[in-house]
Amino acid sequence: QVQLVESGGGLVQAGGSLRLSCAASGRTFSSYDMGWFRQAPGKEREFVAAISRGGATIYYADSVKGRFTISRDNAKNTVYLQMNDLKPEDTAVYYCAADRAFRVLAIRPEDYSYWGQGTQVTVSS
C-alpha cells in the first residue's frame, strides 16, 4: 500500500507556472505507475498526465500537451507536475494517483488504486 500527499497548489495568474509535487510513502514507489488527474467543480475527474514506473512511458491529455510536464524521482519517492502557461480552464483540484497493476500505462481514474487528498490550483484571468 502507498500513501500519497500532494503539495504545490495555489493561486496564479493566467500565463504563470506552478509545480505540483506528490510524495509517496513506502519503499516500493518504483513499483507504481503514477498519474495526475484533476476535477473542476461540477465536472468529472479527468486525466492530466501519467508516467510509468521507470519513467520511459509518458502520456498527456491533449488539453495540457506542450504546457505540462510530468516527471518522477524514484530515489525521492516523488512525482512532479510542472505546469506552464496556465489558463483559467486549468482551475481544479489536482490529484496524484498510483497504480501497481502490470498493464499498459493507464489513463482512466478507475485504473488507479491509491489517491492523494488533492491540491487546489486556481488560475485567474
Protein backbone atom coordinates (compact mmCIF):
# COMPACT_ATOMS: atom_id res chain seq x y z
CA GLN A 1 0.00 0.00 0.00
CA VAL A 2 1.14 3.54 -0.65
CA GLN A 3 0.06 6.88 0.77
CA LEU A 4 0.22 9.99 -1.38
CA VAL A 5 0.45 13.64 -0.36
CA GLU A 6 0.22 16.43 -2.92
CA SER A 7 1.61 19.93 -2.49
CA GLY A 8 2.38 22.99 -4.56
CA GLY A 9 -1.06 24.21 -5.49
CA GLY A 10 -2.12 27.82 -5.22
CA LEU A 11 -3.42 30.91 -6.96
CA VAL A 12 -1.65 32.09 -10.09
CA GLN A 13 -2.41 34.47 -12.92
CA ALA A 14 -3.02 33.22 -16.43
CA GLY A 15 0.27 32.55 -18.16
CA GLY A 16 2.00 31.72 -14.92
CA SER A 17 3.53 28.47 -13.69
CA LEU A 18 3.22 26.09 -10.78
CA ARG A 19 4.95 22.85 -9.88
CA LEU A 20 2.96 20.22 -8.07
CA SER A 21 4.66 17.52 -6.05
CA CYS A 22 3.30 14.21 -4.84
CA ALA A 23 5.26 12.47 -2.12
CA ALA A 24 4.69 8.75 -1.62
CA SER A 25 5.25 6.70 1.49
CA GLY A 26 6.84 3.28 1.49
CA ARG A 27 9.81 1.67 -0.17
CA THR A 28 8.09 0.42 -3.32
CA PHE A 29 7.38 3.69 -5.10
CA SER A 30 9.21 2.48 -8.19
CA SER A 31 6.66 -0.35 -8.47
CA TYR A 32 3.86 2.07 -9.27
CA ASP A 33 2.79 3.83 -12.38
CA MET A 34 1.80 7.36 -11.39
CA GLY A 35 -0.87 9.66 -12.72
CA TRP A 36 -2.14 13.19 -12.26
CA PHE A 37 -5.85 13.91 -12.54
CA ARG A 38 -7.95 16.99 -11.93
CA GLN A 39 -11.51 17.78 -11.05
CA ALA A 40 -13.23 21.11 -11.52
CA PRO A 41 -16.49 21.97 -9.72
CA GLY A 42 -19.43 20.21 -11.32
CA LYS A 43 -17.22 18.16 -13.61
CA GLU A 44 -15.94 14.62 -13.63
CA ARG A 45 -12.38 13.79 -12.67
CA GLU A 46 -10.24 13.92 -15.78
CA PHE A 47 -6.87 12.59 -16.80
CA VAL A 48 -3.96 15.05 -16.99
CA ALA A 49 -0.73 13.03 -17.27
CA ALA A 50 0.78 9.67 -16.41
CA ILE A 51 4.27 8.23 -16.13
CA SER A 52 5.35 4.61 -16.00
CA ARG A 53 7.40 3.02 -13.23
CA GLY A 54 10.76 3.77 -14.74
CA GLY A 55 9.70 6.93 -16.50
CA ALA A 56 10.09 5.56 -20.00
CA THR A 57 6.44 5.98 -20.97
CA ILE A 58 4.54 9.24 -20.54
CA TYR A 59 1.07 10.26 -21.62
CA TYR A 60 -0.61 13.66 -21.57
CA ALA A 61 -4.13 14.84 -22.11
CA ASP A 62 -4.41 16.87 -25.29
CA SER A 63 -5.52 19.90 -23.29
CA VAL A 64 -2.18 20.11 -21.44
CA LYS A 65 0.24 18.76 -24.02
CA GLY A 66 3.10 21.19 -24.57
CA ARG A 67 2.35 23.09 -21.36
CA PHE A 68 2.61 20.46 -18.59
CA THR A 69 5.47 18.08 -17.85
CA ILE A 70 5.25 15.03 -15.62
CA SER A 71 8.39 13.58 -14.08
CA ARG A 72 9.39 11.37 -11.20
CA ASP A 73 12.33 10.84 -8.89
CA ASN A 74 12.21 7.30 -7.57
CA ALA A 75 15.04 7.98 -5.14
CA LYS A 76 12.87 10.66 -3.51
CA ASN A 77 9.56 8.78 -3.85
CA THR A 78 8.12 11.81 -5.60
CA VAL A 79 6.27 12.57 -8.80
CA TYR A 80 6.03 16.10 -10.16
CA LEU A 81 3.77 18.05 -12.48
CA GLN A 82 5.33 21.19 -13.92
CA MET A 83 2.55 23.40 -15.23
CA ASN A 84 3.43 26.30 -17.51
CA ASP A 85 1.32 28.81 -19.41
CA LEU A 86 -1.59 28.16 -17.09
CA LYS A 87 -5.08 29.04 -18.24
CA PRO A 88 -8.27 29.73 -16.27
CA GLU A 89 -9.66 26.43 -17.54
CA ASP A 90 -6.85 24.63 -15.69
CA THR A 91 -8.51 25.63 -12.41
CA ALA A 92 -9.32 22.45 -10.49
CA VAL A 93 -8.32 20.24 -7.61
CA TYR A 94 -5.35 18.21 -8.76
CA TYR A 95 -4.86 14.65 -7.53
CA CYS A 96 -1.99 12.24 -7.88
CA ALA A 97 -2.69 8.54 -8.07
CA ALA A 98 -0.75 5.27 -8.06
CA ASP A 99 -1.35 2.07 -9.99
CA ARG A 100 0.55 -1.12 -9.22
CA ALA A 101 -1.10 -3.37 -11.77
CA PHE A 102 1.15 -4.64 -14.53
CA ARG A 103 -0.54 -3.33 -17.66
CA VAL A 104 -0.31 -0.63 -20.26
CA LEU A 105 0.07 2.79 -18.61
CA ALA A 106 -3.42 3.73 -17.51
CA ILE A 107 -5.29 6.97 -18.11
CA ARG A 108 -8.66 6.10 -16.57
CA PRO A 109 -9.26 7.10 -12.95
CA GLU A 110 -10.80 3.71 -12.20
CA ASP A 111 -7.49 2.01 -13.01
CA TYR A 112 -5.72 3.75 -10.13
CA SER A 113 -5.96 2.24 -6.66
CA TYR A 114 -4.37 4.89 -4.47
CA TRP A 115 -5.12 8.60 -4.35
CA GLY A 116 -3.86 11.66 -2.59
CA GLN A 117 -6.11 14.22 -0.92
CA GLY A 118 -5.74 16.76 -3.72
CA THR A 119 -4.33 20.27 -4.02
CA GLN A 120 -6.23 23.28 -5.33
CA VAL A 121 -4.96 25.13 -8.38
CA THR A 122 -6.70 28.39 -9.24
CA VAL A 123 -5.79 30.36 -12.33
CA SER A 124 -7.11 33.90 -12.55
CA SER A 125 -7.71 35.67 -15.84
